[in-house]
Amino acid sequence: MEASIVDLRYHMNNVLKALRRNEKVNILYRGKIMGVLSPIKKQQKLSVKTHPFCGMHAKDKTSVNDIIKKLRKFRYESI
């Protein structure tokens, strides 16, 4: 799809619909392409079991509260 600056101003709903259809939108200024809007890739919803953060400290036997205190310590020491 191609959209001029006026289209962006008055017909933004059509531009958003094109993005929802995974179409790229060429932005025109005085008939020349100035930029391209492209849809973002849909993010996968990760379950707790497959999320990379979970299990990161599985081998560490330190409690969660101690880990949080250790992470926040530097912020509170500088005051």
N, C-alpha and C. Protein backbone atom coordinates (compact mmCIF):
# COMPACT_ATOMS: atom_id res chain seq x y z
N MET A 1 0.84 -1.18 0.00
CA MET A 1 0.00 0.00 0.00
C MET A 1 0.88 1.24 0.00
N GLU A 2 0.41 2.25 -0.64
CA GLU A 2 1.09 3.55 -0.62
C GLU A 2 0.18 4.57 0.04
N ALA A 3 0.76 5.42 0.87
CA ALA A 3 -0.01 6.44 1.57
C ALA A 3 0.77 7.74 1.58
N SER A 4 0.08 8.80 1.27
CA SER A 4 0.71 10.13 1.32
C SER A 4 0.57 10.67 2.74
N ILE A 5 1.17 11.81 2.96
CA ILE A 5 1.08 12.46 4.26
C ILE A 5 -0.37 12.79 4.58
N VAL A 6 -1.12 13.20 3.58
CA VAL A 6 -2.55 13.51 3.78
C VAL A 6 -3.32 12.25 4.16
N ASP A 7 -2.97 11.11 3.51
CA ASP A 7 -3.62 9.86 3.88
C ASP A 7 -3.33 9.50 5.33
N LEU A 8 -2.11 9.72 5.75
CA LEU A 8 -1.78 9.44 7.15
C LEU A 8 -2.61 10.30 8.09
N ARG A 9 -2.86 11.50 7.68
CA ARG A 9 -3.60 12.41 8.55
C ARG A 9 -5.08 12.09 8.58
N TYR A 10 -5.67 11.86 7.42
CA TYR A 10 -7.13 11.72 7.35
C TYR A 10 -7.61 10.27 7.24
N HIS A 11 -6.75 9.35 6.85
CA HIS A 11 -7.18 7.97 6.63
C HIS A 11 -6.27 6.99 7.37
N MET A 12 -5.88 7.35 8.58
CA MET A 12 -4.98 6.50 9.35
C MET A 12 -5.59 5.13 9.62
N ASN A 13 -6.90 5.06 9.73
CA ASN A 13 -7.57 3.78 9.97
C ASN A 13 -7.28 2.79 8.83
N ASN A 14 -7.27 3.27 7.60
CA ASN A 14 -6.95 2.40 6.47
C ASN A 14 -5.49 1.93 6.51
N VAL A 15 -4.61 2.78 6.94
CA VAL A 15 -3.20 2.42 7.06
C VAL A 15 -3.03 1.35 8.14
N LEU A 16 -3.72 1.52 9.26
CA LEU A 16 -3.64 0.53 10.32
C LEU A 16 -4.23 -0.81 9.90
N LYS A 17 -5.30 -0.77 9.12
CA LYS A 17 -5.89 -2.01 8.61
C LYS A 17 -4.90 -2.74 7.69
N ALA A 18 -4.17 -1.99 6.88
CA ALA A 18 -3.17 -2.60 6.00
C ALA A 18 -2.06 -3.24 6.82
N LEU A 19 -1.65 -2.58 7.90
CA LEU A 19 -0.62 -3.15 8.76
C LEU A 19 -1.12 -4.42 9.45
N ARG A 20 -2.39 -4.43 9.83
CA ARG A 20 -2.97 -5.64 10.43
C ARG A 20 -2.99 -6.80 9.45
N ARG A 21 -3.09 -6.48 8.15
CA ARG A 21 -3.06 -7.52 7.11
C ARG A 21 -1.63 -7.90 6.75
N ASN A 22 -0.67 -7.42 7.52
CA ASN A 22 0.76 -7.67 7.30
C ASN A 22 1.27 -7.10 5.99
N GLU A 23 0.73 -5.98 5.57
CA GLU A 23 1.20 -5.29 4.37
C GLU A 23 2.18 -4.19 4.78
N LYS A 24 3.16 -3.95 3.94
CA LYS A 24 4.05 -2.81 4.13
C LYS A 24 3.37 -1.59 3.53
N VAL A 25 3.57 -0.44 4.17
CA VAL A 25 2.97 0.81 3.70
C VAL A 25 4.11 1.76 3.33
N ASN A 26 4.16 2.13 2.05
CA ASN A 26 5.14 3.11 1.58
C ASN A 26 4.60 4.50 1.86
N ILE A 27 5.39 5.33 2.52
CA ILE A 27 5.00 6.70 2.83
C ILE A 27 5.54 7.61 1.72
N LEU A 28 4.62 8.31 1.08
CA LEU A 28 4.99 9.19 -0.03
C LEU A 28 4.95 10.64 0.41
N TYR A 29 5.93 11.39 -0.06
CA TYR A 29 5.94 12.83 0.13
C TYR A 29 6.24 13.45 -1.23
N ARG A 30 5.27 14.16 -1.75
CA ARG A 30 5.35 14.76 -3.08
C ARG A 30 5.65 13.71 -4.14
N GLY A 31 5.05 12.52 -3.97
CA GLY A 31 5.17 11.47 -4.96
C GLY A 31 6.41 10.60 -4.85
N LYS A 32 7.28 10.90 -3.91
CA LYS A 32 8.50 10.11 -3.74
C LYS A 32 8.42 9.35 -2.41
N ILE A 33 8.93 8.13 -2.42
CA ILE A 33 8.91 7.33 -1.20
C ILE A 33 9.90 7.91 -0.20
N MET A 34 9.39 8.23 0.98
CA MET A 34 10.23 8.78 2.04
C MET A 34 10.50 7.76 3.14
N GLY A 35 9.66 6.76 3.23
CA GLY A 35 9.85 5.75 4.27
C GLY A 35 8.89 4.60 4.08
N VAL A 36 9.06 3.60 4.90
CA VAL A 36 8.22 2.41 4.82
C VAL A 36 7.79 2.03 6.23
N LEU A 37 6.49 1.85 6.40
CA LEU A 37 5.97 1.30 7.65
C LEU A 37 5.77 -0.19 7.44
N SER A 38 6.30 -0.97 8.35
CA SER A 38 6.11 -2.41 8.22
C SER A 38 5.52 -2.95 9.52
N PRO A 39 4.71 -3.99 9.41
CA PRO A 39 4.09 -4.54 10.62
C PRO A 39 5.14 -5.24 11.49
N ILE A 40 4.91 -5.21 12.78
CA ILE A 40 5.83 -5.91 13.67
C ILE A 40 5.49 -7.39 13.65
N LYS A 41 6.49 -8.18 13.95
CA LYS A 41 6.26 -9.61 14.03
C LYS A 41 5.49 -9.89 15.31
N LYS A 42 4.54 -10.78 15.21
CA LYS A 42 3.76 -11.11 16.39
C LYS A 42 4.64 -11.87 17.37
N GLN A 43 4.56 -11.46 18.63
CA GLN A 43 5.36 -12.09 19.65
C GLN A 43 4.67 -13.36 20.12
N GLN A 44 5.47 -14.35 20.33
CA GLN A 44 4.93 -15.59 20.86
C GLN A 44 4.65 -15.42 22.34
N LYS A 45 3.55 -15.99 22.77
CA LYS A 45 3.28 -16.00 24.20
C LYS A 45 3.98 -17.22 24.77
N LEU A 46 4.95 -16.95 25.61
CA LEU A 46 5.73 -18.03 26.19
C LEU A 46 5.08 -18.50 27.48
N SER A 47 5.05 -19.78 27.66
CA SER A 47 4.56 -20.31 28.92
C SER A 47 5.70 -20.25 29.92
N VAL A 48 5.37 -20.47 31.17
CA VAL A 48 6.37 -20.42 32.22
C VAL A 48 7.45 -21.48 31.97
N LYS A 49 7.05 -22.62 31.47
CA LYS A 49 8.00 -23.71 31.26
C LYS A 49 8.99 -23.40 30.14
N THR A 50 8.57 -22.66 29.13
CA THR A 50 9.45 -22.39 27.99
C THR A 50 10.10 -21.02 28.02
N HIS A 51 9.74 -20.18 29.00
CA HIS A 51 10.32 -18.84 29.08
C HIS A 51 11.79 -18.94 29.47
N PRO A 52 12.69 -18.22 28.76
CA PRO A 52 14.13 -18.36 29.02
C PRO A 52 14.55 -17.88 30.41
N PHE A 53 13.81 -16.99 31.03
CA PHE A 53 14.19 -16.47 32.35
C PHE A 53 13.96 -17.50 33.45
N CYS A 54 12.92 -18.29 33.31
CA CYS A 54 12.58 -19.27 34.34
C CYS A 54 13.64 -20.35 34.39
N GLY A 55 14.05 -20.68 35.56
CA GLY A 55 15.08 -21.69 35.73
C GLY A 55 16.49 -21.16 35.61
N MET A 56 16.62 -19.86 35.44
CA MET A 56 17.94 -19.26 35.27
C MET A 56 18.79 -19.47 36.52
N HIS A 57 18.15 -19.41 37.69
CA HIS A 57 18.86 -19.59 38.95
C HIS A 57 18.49 -20.92 39.60
N ALA A 58 18.17 -21.92 38.81
CA ALA A 58 17.71 -23.20 39.36
C ALA A 58 18.78 -23.86 40.21
N LYS A 59 20.04 -23.73 39.82
CA LYS A 59 21.12 -24.37 40.57
C LYS A 59 21.51 -23.57 41.80
N ASP A 60 21.13 -22.29 41.82
CA ASP A 60 21.46 -21.42 42.94
C ASP A 60 20.48 -21.68 44.08
N LYS A 61 20.98 -21.95 45.27
CA LYS A 61 20.12 -22.25 46.42
C LYS A 61 19.79 -21.01 47.25
N THR A 62 20.20 -19.84 46.78
CA THR A 62 19.92 -18.59 47.48
C THR A 62 18.43 -18.28 47.35
N SER A 63 17.85 -17.70 48.41
CA SER A 63 16.43 -17.37 48.37
C SER A 63 16.19 -16.19 47.42
N VAL A 64 14.98 -16.08 46.96
CA VAL A 64 14.61 -15.01 46.03
C VAL A 64 14.80 -13.65 46.69
N ASN A 65 14.42 -13.54 47.96
CA ASN A 65 14.58 -12.27 48.66
C ASN A 65 16.04 -11.84 48.73
N ASP A 66 16.95 -12.79 48.96
CA ASP A 66 18.38 -12.45 49.01
C ASP A 66 18.89 -11.99 47.65
N ILE A 67 18.41 -12.62 46.59
CA ILE A 67 18.82 -12.22 45.24
C ILE A 67 18.33 -10.81 44.94
N ILE A 68 17.07 -10.50 45.31
CA ILE A 68 16.52 -9.16 45.08
C ILE A 68 17.30 -8.13 45.89
N LYS A 69 17.60 -8.43 47.14
CA LYS A 69 18.38 -7.50 47.96
C LYS A 69 19.75 -7.24 47.34
N LYS A 70 20.36 -8.29 46.82
CA LYS A 70 21.67 -8.15 46.19
C LYS A 70 21.58 -7.27 44.94
N LEU A 71 20.51 -7.43 44.16
CA LEU A 71 20.34 -6.61 42.95
C LEU A 71 20.08 -5.15 43.29
N ARG A 72 19.35 -4.90 44.37
CA ARG A 72 18.98 -3.53 44.73
C ARG A 72 20.01 -2.84 45.61
N LYS A 73 20.98 -3.57 46.10
CA LYS A 73 21.93 -3.02 47.07
C LYS A 73 22.65 -1.80 46.53
N PHE A 74 23.10 -1.83 45.31
CA PHE A 74 23.88 -0.72 44.76
C PHE A 74 23.07 0.56 44.63
N ARG A 75 21.79 0.43 44.38
CA ARG A 75 20.94 1.61 44.25
C ARG A 75 20.78 2.30 45.60
N TYR A 76 20.63 1.53 46.67
CA TYR A 76 20.39 2.11 47.97
C TYR A 76 21.67 2.55 48.67
N GLU A 77 22.81 1.98 48.31
CA GLU A 77 24.07 2.36 48.94
C GLU A 77 24.54 3.75 48.52
N SER A 78 24.16 4.19 47.32
CA SER A 78 24.67 5.46 46.81
C SER A 78 23.97 6.66 47.42
N ILE A 79 22.89 6.42 48.16
CA ILE A 79 22.13 7.55 48.74
C ILE A 79 22.78 8.04 50.00
